Amino acid sequence: MLNFNKNICYAVFGNPINHSKSPKIHNFFFKKYNFNEKYIRICASKQFFLKEILNFFENGGKGANITLPFKEKVFSICTVLTKRAQISGSINTLKKNNIGIIGDNTDGIGLLTDLKYKNLISKNDNILILGAGGAARGIIYPLLKFGCNIYITNRTIQKAKILSKEFLKFGYIKYLKLNQLHKNKFQIIINATSAGISDHSSLVIPSNIFNQKTICYDMFYGNTDTNFMKLCKNLGSKKVYNGIGMLVNQAAHSFFLWTDIFPKINDVFNFLKK
């Protein structure tokens, strides 16, 4: 089991995790708001993940973020779930309190906050989500609540079908097979598959759904353009974004859950640029 210093009270758990910028963001927040605490990355064991999370909280951990591939696997250790976590079926934020462990999901509200901040989203927009896993689950409800129409496609279409059925009561949502995509017009295309960080895409996307006005948003990020971003640019899209804005905004909502302080995100954007 891992051992922790007493001032390491926050961490992000994932596998892989070396690419994560969450420590830079949260340590910036902690320093700015005068908390003498640290936030680290933890590459969790896929076999003993839940034991490692519980060990973290038993040794002074106060809060944690959860990323791939664990977002749908932490429900069993939560005492309380927020409405966002319950609806999404996915957890990216944990908080320890005197009752137990609170499970929340700040991914969707983080994405929506970033899309609004960048003036990229309007009510009634048609949004295509690529992927039907935990990353997709976390963002659907806020987008439906905002008033957008959601379309989901996935290499295994049955997963997209199940997901669309789960969220149908919250707004307009439909699953599409890959060979049906060209019949529709999308204002925003969001990559919620790990193709954003892997060497190849598991989806073959029709090129004719892209044009210069298509907004392409990869939930993942790297130091250079992701494979999805390169594809979108090659197919003519002029508005192509990675997930840094989403990461910063979901981090701000996580920080608020932990500390009751909502940080100024412009400050951290400027910090990351430097």
C-alpha atoms as a PDB file:
ATOM      1  CA  MET A   1       0.000   0.000   0.000  1.00  0.00           C
ATOM      2  CA  LEU A   2       0.991   3.598  -0.588  1.00  0.00           C
ATOM      3  CA  ASN A   3       2.216   5.832   2.221  1.00  0.00           C
ATOM      4  CA  PHE A   4       1.302   9.535   2.374  1.00  0.00           C
ATOM      5  CA  ASN A   5       2.764  12.611   4.036  1.00  0.00           C
ATOM      6  CA  LYS A   6       0.350  14.399   6.361  1.00  0.00           C
ATOM      7  CA  ASN A   7       0.055  17.491   4.115  1.00  0.00           C
ATOM      8  CA  ILE A   8      -0.823  15.426   1.029  1.00  0.00           C
ATOM      9  CA  CYS A   9      -4.579  15.566   1.405  1.00  0.00           C
ATOM     10  CA  TYR A  10      -5.675  15.560  -2.245  1.00  0.00           C
ATOM     11  CA  ALA A  11      -4.831  13.441  -5.287  1.00  0.00           C
ATOM     12  CA  VAL A  12      -5.945  12.337  -8.721  1.00  0.00           C
ATOM     13  CA  PHE A  13      -6.203   8.578  -9.271  1.00  0.00           C
ATOM     14  CA  GLY A  14      -5.911   7.095 -12.759  1.00  0.00           C
ATOM     15  CA  ASN A  15      -4.010   4.677 -14.961  1.00  0.00           C
ATOM     16  CA  PRO A  16      -2.247   6.093 -16.953  1.00  0.00           C
ATOM     17  CA  ILE A  17      -1.838   9.358 -15.043  1.00  0.00           C
ATOM     18  CA  ASN A  18       1.531  10.938 -15.959  1.00  0.00           C
ATOM     19  CA  HIS A  19      -0.140  13.231 -18.516  1.00  0.00           C
ATOM     20  CA  SER A  20      -2.434  14.821 -15.905  1.00  0.00           C
ATOM     21  CA  LYS A  21      -2.170  18.550 -15.289  1.00  0.00           C
ATOM     22  CA  SER A  22      -4.518  18.379 -12.298  1.00  0.00           C
ATOM     23  CA  PRO A  23      -1.679  18.716  -9.727  1.00  0.00           C
ATOM     24  CA  LYS A  24      -0.488  21.963 -11.338  1.00  0.00           C
ATOM     25  CA  ILE A  25      -4.025  23.373 -11.301  1.00  0.00           C
ATOM     26  CA  HIS A  26      -5.011  22.356  -7.788  1.00  0.00           C
ATOM     27  CA  ASN A  27      -1.678  23.226  -6.185  1.00  0.00           C
ATOM     28  CA  PHE A  28      -2.053  26.645  -7.808  1.00  0.00           C
ATOM     29  CA  PHE A  29      -5.519  26.948  -6.199  1.00  0.00           C
ATOM     30  CA  PHE A  30      -4.256  25.798  -2.792  1.00  0.00           C
ATOM     31  CA  LYS A  31      -1.382  28.275  -2.832  1.00  0.00           C
ATOM     32  CA  LYS A  32      -3.539  31.162  -4.074  1.00  0.00           C
ATOM     33  CA  TYR A  33      -6.131  30.637  -1.350  1.00  0.00           C
ATOM     34  CA  ASN A  34      -3.569  29.983   1.416  1.00  0.00           C
ATOM     35  CA  PHE A  35      -4.108  26.265   2.056  1.00  0.00           C
ATOM     36  CA  ASN A  36      -1.053  24.433   3.362  1.00  0.00           C
ATOM     37  CA  GLU A  37      -1.940  21.252   1.502  1.00  0.00           C
ATOM     38  CA  LYS A  38      -0.698  19.399  -1.546  1.00  0.00           C
ATOM     39  CA  TYR A  39      -2.260  17.522  -4.453  1.00  0.00           C
ATOM     40  CA  ILE A  40      -0.454  14.678  -6.213  1.00  0.00           C
ATOM     41  CA  ARG A  41      -0.902  12.127  -9.021  1.00  0.00           C
ATOM     42  CA  ILE A  42      -1.379   8.462  -8.116  1.00  0.00           C
ATOM     43  CA  CYS A  43      -1.106   5.741 -10.736  1.00  0.00           C
ATOM     44  CA  ALA A  44      -3.563   3.304  -9.222  1.00  0.00           C
ATOM     45  CA  SER A  45      -3.471  -0.439  -9.594  1.00  0.00           C
ATOM     46  CA  LYS A  46      -6.324  -1.682 -11.789  1.00  0.00           C
ATOM     47  CA  GLN A  47      -6.644  -4.704  -9.505  1.00  0.00           C
ATOM     48  CA  PHE A  48      -6.463  -2.960  -6.104  1.00  0.00           C
ATOM     49  CA  PHE A  49      -7.846   0.489  -6.985  1.00  0.00           C
ATOM     50  CA  LEU A  50     -10.610   0.599  -4.351  1.00  0.00           C
ATOM     51  CA  LYS A  51      -8.246  -0.529  -1.580  1.00  0.00           C
ATOM     52  CA  GLU A  52      -5.765   2.202  -2.574  1.00  0.00           C
ATOM     53  CA  ILE A  53      -8.471   4.886  -2.546  1.00  0.00           C
ATOM     54  CA  LEU A  54      -9.697   3.810   0.902  1.00  0.00           C
ATOM     55  CA  ASN A  55      -6.106   3.666   2.148  1.00  0.00           C
ATOM     56  CA  PHE A  56      -5.624   7.240   0.938  1.00  0.00           C
ATOM     57  CA  PHE A  57      -8.642   8.484   2.897  1.00  0.00           C
ATOM     58  CA  GLU A  58      -7.735   6.446   5.984  1.00  0.00           C
ATOM     59  CA  ASN A  59      -4.311   8.160   5.984  1.00  0.00           C
ATOM     60  CA  GLY A  60      -5.502  11.758   5.966  1.00  0.00           C
ATOM     61  CA  GLY A  61      -6.898  12.183   2.461  1.00  0.00           C
ATOM     62  CA  LYS A  62      -9.638  14.805   2.244  1.00  0.00           C
ATOM     63  CA  GLY A  63     -10.508  14.771  -1.453  1.00  0.00           C
ATOM     64  CA  ALA A  64      -9.685  13.053  -4.711  1.00  0.00           C
ATOM     65  CA  ASN A  65     -10.306  13.235  -8.419  1.00  0.00           C
ATOM     66  CA  ILE A  66     -10.915  10.047 -10.408  1.00  0.00           C
ATOM     67  CA  THR A  67      -9.999   9.640 -14.063  1.00  0.00           C
ATOM     68  CA  LEU A  68      -9.744   6.792 -16.587  1.00  0.00           C
ATOM     69  CA  PRO A  69     -10.447   3.940 -16.165  1.00  0.00           C
ATOM     70  CA  PHE A  70     -12.046   4.215 -12.717  1.00  0.00           C
ATOM     71  CA  LYS A  71     -14.925   6.706 -12.992  1.00  0.00           C
ATOM     72  CA  GLU A  72     -17.632   4.058 -12.929  1.00  0.00           C
ATOM     73  CA  LYS A  73     -15.955   1.881 -10.287  1.00  0.00           C
ATOM     74  CA  VAL A  74     -16.017   4.010  -7.124  1.00  0.00           C
ATOM     75  CA  PHE A  75     -19.733   3.979  -6.294  1.00  0.00           C
ATOM     76  CA  SER A  76     -19.329   1.146  -3.795  1.00  0.00           C
ATOM     77  CA  ILE A  77     -17.159   3.231  -1.445  1.00  0.00           C
ATOM     78  CA  CYS A  78     -19.424   6.320  -1.454  1.00  0.00           C
ATOM     79  CA  THR A  79     -21.726   7.107   1.464  1.00  0.00           C
ATOM     80  CA  VAL A  80     -23.533   9.941  -0.334  1.00  0.00           C
ATOM     81  CA  LEU A  81     -23.967  10.724  -4.035  1.00  0.00           C
ATOM     82  CA  THR A  82     -24.739  14.132  -5.498  1.00  0.00           C
ATOM     83  CA  LYS A  83     -27.536  14.405  -8.072  1.00  0.00           C
ATOM     84  CA  ARG A  84     -24.915  14.880 -10.806  1.00  0.00           C
ATOM     85  CA  ALA A  85     -23.199  11.630  -9.874  1.00  0.00           C
ATOM     86  CA  GLN A  86     -26.463   9.710  -9.600  1.00  0.00           C
ATOM     87  CA  ILE A  87     -27.712  10.840 -13.017  1.00  0.00           C
ATOM     88  CA  SER A  88     -24.409  10.451 -14.857  1.00  0.00           C
ATOM     89  CA  GLY A  89     -23.561   7.071 -13.361  1.00  0.00           C
ATOM     90  CA  SER A  90     -19.969   8.293 -13.259  1.00  0.00           C
ATOM     91  CA  ILE A  91     -17.835   9.856 -10.507  1.00  0.00           C
ATOM     92  CA  ASN A  92     -14.802  12.110 -10.925  1.00  0.00           C
ATOM     93  CA  THR A  93     -14.671  13.801  -7.498  1.00  0.00           C
ATOM     94  CA  LEU A  94     -14.647  12.409  -3.959  1.00  0.00           C
ATOM     95  CA  LYS A  95     -14.798  14.284  -0.657  1.00  0.00           C
ATOM     96  CA  LYS A  96     -14.248  12.810   2.798  1.00  0.00           C
ATOM     97  CA  ASN A  97     -16.336  14.266   5.622  1.00  0.00           C
ATOM     98  CA  ASN A  98     -17.523  13.164   9.075  1.00  0.00           C
ATOM     99  CA  ILE A  99     -20.319  11.074   7.536  1.00  0.00           C
ATOM    100  CA  GLY A 100     -18.205   9.222   4.999  1.00  0.00           C
ATOM    101  CA  ILE A 101     -17.289   9.774   1.351  1.00  0.00           C
ATOM    102  CA  ILE A 102     -19.278  12.012  -1.003  1.00  0.00           C
ATOM    103  CA  GLY A 103     -19.229  11.112  -4.702  1.00  0.00           C
ATOM    104  CA  ASP A 104     -19.751  13.870  -7.278  1.00  0.00           C
ATOM    105  CA  ASN A 105     -19.270  14.471 -10.988  1.00  0.00           C
ATOM    106  CA  THR A 106     -17.953  17.864 -12.089  1.00  0.00           C
ATOM    107  CA  ASP A 107     -17.026  16.819 -15.648  1.00  0.00           C
ATOM    108  CA  GLY A 108     -20.286  17.818 -17.299  1.00  0.00           C
ATOM    109  CA  ILE A 109     -20.650  21.150 -15.550  1.00  0.00           C
ATOM    110  CA  GLY A 110     -16.956  21.788 -16.232  1.00  0.00           C
ATOM    111  CA  LEU A 111     -17.416  21.146 -19.964  1.00  0.00           C
ATOM    112  CA  LEU A 112     -20.562  23.263 -20.167  1.00  0.00           C
ATOM    113  CA  THR A 113     -18.867  26.104 -18.261  1.00  0.00           C
ATOM    114  CA  ASP A 114     -15.960  26.043 -20.718  1.00  0.00           C
ATOM    115  CA  LEU A 115     -18.201  25.941 -23.811  1.00  0.00           C
ATOM    116  CA  LYS A 116     -20.161  28.924 -22.472  1.00  0.00           C
ATOM    117  CA  TYR A 117     -16.946  30.745 -21.513  1.00  0.00           C
ATOM    118  CA  LYS A 118     -15.673  30.351 -25.086  1.00  0.00           C
ATOM    119  CA  ASN A 119     -19.081  31.287 -26.597  1.00  0.00           C
ATOM    120  CA  LEU A 120     -19.217  27.972 -28.457  1.00  0.00           C
ATOM    121  CA  ILE A 121     -22.625  26.679 -27.412  1.00  0.00           C
ATOM    122  CA  SER A 122     -26.246  27.719 -27.923  1.00  0.00           C
ATOM    123  CA  LYS A 123     -29.564  26.188 -26.957  1.00  0.00           C
ATOM    124  CA  ASN A 124     -30.916  23.756 -29.578  1.00  0.00           C
ATOM    125  CA  ASP A 125     -27.409  22.986 -30.896  1.00  0.00           C
ATOM    126  CA  ASN A 126     -27.016  19.478 -32.274  1.00  0.00           C
ATOM    127  CA  ILE A 127     -24.113  17.865 -30.440  1.00  0.00           C
ATOM    128  CA  LEU A 128     -22.502  14.611 -31.549  1.00  0.00           C
ATOM    129  CA  ILE A 129     -20.709  12.683 -28.805  1.00  0.00           C
ATOM    130  CA  LEU A 130     -18.170  10.088 -29.925  1.00  0.00           C
ATOM    131  CA  GLY A 131     -18.050   7.312 -27.344  1.00  0.00           C
ATOM    132  CA  ALA A 132     -20.466   5.825 -24.821  1.00  0.00           C
ATOM    133  CA  GLY A 133     -18.255   5.159 -21.792  1.00  0.00           C
ATOM    134  CA  GLY A 134     -17.744   6.945 -18.484  1.00  0.00           C
ATOM    135  CA  ALA A 135     -16.446  10.135 -20.088  1.00  0.00           C
ATOM    136  CA  ALA A 136     -19.616  10.467 -22.182  1.00  0.00           C
ATOM    137  CA  ARG A 137     -21.850   9.662 -19.218  1.00  0.00           C
ATOM    138  CA  GLY A 138     -20.415  12.543 -17.224  1.00  0.00           C
ATOM    139  CA  ILE A 139     -21.289  15.252 -19.757  1.00  0.00           C
ATOM    140  CA  ILE A 140     -24.722  14.314 -21.164  1.00  0.00           C
ATOM    141  CA  TYR A 141     -27.040  15.595 -18.420  1.00  0.00           C
ATOM    142  CA  PRO A 142     -25.727  19.206 -18.232  1.00  0.00           C
ATOM    143  CA  LEU A 143     -25.833  19.513 -22.039  1.00  0.00           C
ATOM    144  CA  LEU A 144     -29.423  18.243 -22.163  1.00  0.00           C
ATOM    145  CA  LYS A 145     -30.414  20.509 -19.287  1.00  0.00           C
ATOM    146  CA  PHE A 146     -28.912  23.472 -21.151  1.00  0.00           C
ATOM    147  CA  GLY A 147     -31.243  22.677 -24.044  1.00  0.00           C
ATOM    148  CA  CYS A 148     -29.054  20.928 -26.628  1.00  0.00           C
ATOM    149  CA  ASN A 149     -29.940  17.916 -28.761  1.00  0.00           C
ATOM    150  CA  ILE A 150     -27.561  15.028 -28.146  1.00  0.00           C
ATOM    151  CA  TYR A 151     -26.540  12.321 -30.601  1.00  0.00           C
ATOM    152  CA  ILE A 152     -24.277   9.449 -29.527  1.00  0.00           C
ATOM    153  CA  THR A 153     -22.273   7.063 -31.636  1.00  0.00           C
ATOM    154  CA  ASN A 154     -19.908   4.316 -30.565  1.00  0.00           C
ATOM    155  CA  ARG A 155     -17.926   1.485 -32.099  1.00  0.00           C
ATOM    156  CA  THR A 156     -20.199  -0.893 -30.157  1.00  0.00           C
ATOM    157  CA  ILE A 157     -23.560   0.660 -30.984  1.00  0.00           C
ATOM    158  CA  GLN A 158     -25.396  -1.290 -28.286  1.00  0.00           C
ATOM    159  CA  LYS A 159     -23.602   0.784 -25.625  1.00  0.00           C
ATOM    160  CA  ALA A 160     -24.752   4.005 -27.297  1.00  0.00           C
ATOM    161  CA  LYS A 161     -28.295   2.646 -27.458  1.00  0.00           C
ATOM    162  CA  ILE A 162     -28.321   1.818 -23.743  1.00  0.00           C
ATOM    163  CA  LEU A 163     -26.867   5.202 -22.814  1.00  0.00           C
ATOM    164  CA  SER A 164     -29.368   7.167 -24.902  1.00  0.00           C
ATOM    165  CA  LYS A 165     -32.241   5.231 -23.336  1.00  0.00           C
ATOM    166  CA  GLU A 166     -31.010   6.070 -19.818  1.00  0.00           C
ATOM    167  CA  PHE A 167     -30.961   9.819 -20.496  1.00  0.00           C
ATOM    168  CA  LEU A 168     -34.089  10.103 -22.648  1.00  0.00           C
ATOM    169  CA  LYS A 169     -36.178  11.511 -19.784  1.00  0.00           C
ATOM    170  CA  PHE A 170     -33.890  14.544 -19.521  1.00  0.00           C
ATOM    171  CA  GLY A 171     -34.150  15.815 -23.107  1.00  0.00           C
ATOM    172  CA  TYR A 172     -33.649  14.990 -26.775  1.00  0.00           C
ATOM    173  CA  ILE A 173     -31.065  12.253 -27.152  1.00  0.00           C
ATOM    174  CA  LYS A 174     -30.607   9.711 -29.920  1.00  0.00           C
ATOM    175  CA  TYR A 175     -28.028   7.086 -30.846  1.00  0.00           C
ATOM    176  CA  LEU A 176     -26.684   6.848 -34.391  1.00  0.00           C
ATOM    177  CA  LYS A 177     -24.694   4.200 -36.198  1.00  0.00           C
ATOM    178  CA  LEU A 178     -21.528   5.419 -37.886  1.00  0.00           C
ATOM    179  CA  ASN A 179     -23.096   5.001 -41.321  1.00  0.00           C
ATOM    180  CA  GLN A 180     -25.985   7.278 -40.286  1.00  0.00           C
ATOM    181  CA  LEU A 181     -23.868  10.262 -39.239  1.00  0.00           C
ATOM    182  CA  HIS A 182     -23.639  11.793 -42.722  1.00  0.00           C
ATOM    183  CA  LYS A 183     -27.429  12.299 -42.765  1.00  0.00           C
ATOM    184  CA  ASN A 184     -27.264  14.789 -39.873  1.00  0.00           C
ATOM    185  CA  LYS A 185     -25.832  18.255 -39.254  1.00  0.00           C
ATOM    186  CA  PHE A 186     -23.903  18.865 -36.037  1.00  0.00           C
ATOM    187  CA  GLN A 187     -22.832  22.214 -34.620  1.00  0.00           C
ATOM    188  CA  ILE A 188     -20.485  20.574 -32.062  1.00  0.00           C
ATOM    189  CA  ILE A 189     -18.622  17.260 -32.179  1.00  0.00           C
ATOM    190  CA  ILE A 190     -17.161  16.063 -28.861  1.00  0.00           C
ATOM    191  CA  ASN A 191     -14.618  13.271 -28.579  1.00  0.00           C
ATOM    192  CA  ALA A 192     -15.328  11.263 -25.417  1.00  0.00           C
ATOM    193  CA  THR A 193     -13.275   8.217 -26.425  1.00  0.00           C
ATOM    194  CA  SER A 194      -9.727   7.378 -25.422  1.00  0.00           C
ATOM    195  CA  ALA A 195      -8.808   7.895 -29.083  1.00  0.00           C
ATOM    196  CA  GLY A 196      -7.832  11.356 -27.931  1.00  0.00           C
ATOM    197  CA  ILE A 197      -4.794   9.966 -26.118  1.00  0.00           C
ATOM    198  CA  SER A 198      -4.072   6.667 -27.881  1.00  0.00           C
ATOM    199  CA  ASP A 199      -2.148   6.011 -31.076  1.00  0.00           C
ATOM    200  CA  HIS A 200      -5.189   5.251 -33.192  1.00  0.00           C
ATOM    201  CA  SER A 201      -8.927   5.878 -33.275  1.00  0.00           C
ATOM    202  CA  SER A 202     -11.437   3.109 -32.715  1.00  0.00           C
ATOM    203  CA  LEU A 203     -14.016   5.066 -34.717  1.00  0.00           C
ATOM    204  CA  VAL A 204     -14.025   5.686 -38.451  1.00  0.00           C
ATOM    205  CA  ILE A 205     -15.794   9.059 -38.709  1.00  0.00           C
ATOM    206  CA  PRO A 206     -17.351  10.171 -42.018  1.00  0.00           C
ATOM    207  CA  SER A 207     -15.448  13.192 -43.323  1.00  0.00           C
ATOM    208  CA  ASN A 208     -18.569  14.919 -44.669  1.00  0.00           C
ATOM    209  CA  ILE A 209     -19.914  15.769 -41.199  1.00  0.00           C
ATOM    210  CA  PHE A 210     -17.075  18.300 -40.789  1.00  0.00           C
ATOM    211  CA  ASN A 211     -16.920  21.815 -42.241  1.00  0.00           C
ATOM    212  CA  GLN A 212     -15.240  25.110 -41.374  1.00  0.00           C
ATOM    213  CA  LYS A 213     -17.984  26.033 -38.881  1.00  0.00           C
ATOM    214  CA  THR A 214     -18.028  22.700 -37.070  1.00  0.00           C
ATOM    215  CA  ILE A 215     -16.854  23.091 -33.475  1.00  0.00           C
ATOM    216  CA  CYS A 216     -14.651  20.141 -32.520  1.00  0.00           C
ATOM    217  CA  TYR A 217     -13.868  19.534 -28.865  1.00  0.00           C
ATOM    218  CA  ASP A 218     -11.626  16.796 -27.511  1.00  0.00           C
ATOM    219  CA  MET A 219     -12.254  16.051 -23.826  1.00  0.00           C
ATOM    220  CA  PHE A 220      -8.649  14.829 -23.645  1.00  0.00           C
ATOM    221  CA  TYR A 221      -5.518  16.942 -23.946  1.00  0.00           C
ATOM    222  CA  GLY A 222      -1.785  16.746 -24.399  1.00  0.00           C
ATOM    223  CA  ASN A 223       1.191  19.010 -24.937  1.00  0.00           C
ATOM    224  CA  THR A 224       0.456  18.852 -28.673  1.00  0.00           C
ATOM    225  CA  ASP A 225      -2.702  18.334 -30.719  1.00  0.00           C
ATOM    226  CA  THR A 226      -4.454  15.035 -30.053  1.00  0.00           C
ATOM    227  CA  ASN A 227      -5.176  12.593 -32.877  1.00  0.00           C
ATOM    228  CA  PHE A 228      -8.789  13.740 -32.899  1.00  0.00           C
ATOM    229  CA  MET A 229      -7.770  17.407 -33.166  1.00  0.00           C
ATOM    230  CA  LYS A 230      -5.427  16.628 -36.066  1.00  0.00           C
ATOM    231  CA  LEU A 231      -8.219  14.746 -37.829  1.00  0.00           C
ATOM    232  CA  CYS A 232     -10.669  17.630 -37.410  1.00  0.00           C
ATOM    233  CA  LYS A 233      -8.177  20.183 -38.729  1.00  0.00           C
ATOM    234  CA  ASN A 234      -7.326  17.966 -41.688  1.00  0.00           C
ATOM    235  CA  LEU A 235     -11.032  17.757 -42.525  1.00  0.00           C
ATOM    236  CA  GLY A 236     -11.416  21.531 -42.568  1.00  0.00           C
ATOM    237  CA  SER A 237     -12.617  22.485 -39.088  1.00  0.00           C
ATOM    238  CA  LYS A 238     -11.393  25.902 -37.965  1.00  0.00           C
ATOM    239  CA  LYS A 239     -12.660  25.750 -34.372  1.00  0.00           C
ATOM    240  CA  VAL A 240     -10.790  22.895 -32.713  1.00  0.00           C
ATOM    241  CA  TYR A 241     -10.188  22.691 -28.953  1.00  0.00           C
ATOM    242  CA  ASN A 242      -8.632  20.317 -26.462  1.00  0.00           C
ATOM    243  CA  GLY A 243      -9.914  19.535 -22.970  1.00  0.00           C
ATOM    244  CA  ILE A 244      -7.756  21.939 -20.960  1.00  0.00           C
ATOM    245  CA  GLY A 245     -10.642  24.374 -20.490  1.00  0.00           C
ATOM    246  CA  MET A 246     -12.893  21.584 -19.324  1.00  0.00           C
ATOM    247  CA  LEU A 247     -10.161  20.328 -16.980  1.00  0.00           C
ATOM    248  CA  VAL A 248      -9.698  23.751 -15.394  1.00  0.00           C
ATOM    249  CA  ASN A 249     -13.427  24.306 -14.963  1.00  0.00           C
ATOM    250  CA  GLN A 250     -14.167  20.853 -13.555  1.00  0.00           C
ATOM    251  CA  ALA A 251     -11.217  21.372 -11.204  1.00  0.00           C
ATOM    252  CA  ALA A 252     -12.744  24.659 -10.045  1.00  0.00           C
ATOM    253  CA  HIS A 253     -16.028  22.892  -9.262  1.00  0.00           C
ATOM    254  CA  SER A 254     -14.132  20.113  -7.423  1.00  0.00           C
ATOM    255  CA  PHE A 255     -12.181  22.721  -5.433  1.00  0.00           C
ATOM    256  CA  PHE A 256     -15.486  24.368  -4.497  1.00  0.00           C
ATOM    257  CA  LEU A 257     -16.859  21.039  -3.221  1.00  0.00           C
ATOM    258  CA  TRP A 258     -13.753  20.560  -1.063  1.00  0.00           C
ATOM    259  CA  THR A 259     -13.266  24.102   0.269  1.00  0.00           C
ATOM    260  CA  ASP A 260     -16.494  26.120  -0.339  1.00  0.00           C
ATOM    261  CA  ILE A 261     -14.366  28.524  -2.407  1.00  0.00           C
ATOM    262  CA  PHE A 262     -14.961  28.883  -6.148  1.00  0.00           C
ATOM    263  CA  PRO A 263     -11.590  29.954  -7.617  1.00  0.00           C
ATOM    264  CA  LYS A 264     -11.052  32.465 -10.395  1.00  0.00           C
ATOM    265  CA  ILE A 265     -10.283  30.377 -13.452  1.00  0.00           C
ATOM    266  CA  ASN A 266      -8.652  33.181 -15.470  1.00  0.00           C
ATOM    267  CA  ASP A 267      -5.772  33.150 -13.006  1.00  0.00           C
ATOM    268  CA  VAL A 268      -5.023  29.475 -13.586  1.00  0.00           C
ATOM    269  CA  PHE A 269      -5.348  29.832 -17.380  1.00  0.00           C
ATOM    270  CA  ASN A 270      -2.696  32.547 -17.270  1.00  0.00           C
ATOM    271  CA  PHE A 271      -0.540  30.354 -15.014  1.00  0.00           C
ATOM    272  CA  LEU A 272      -0.770  27.373 -17.370  1.00  0.00           C
ATOM    273  CA  LYS A 273       0.098  29.532 -20.371  1.00  0.00           C
ATOM    274  CA  LYS A 274       3.319  30.592 -18.642  1.00  0.00           C
END
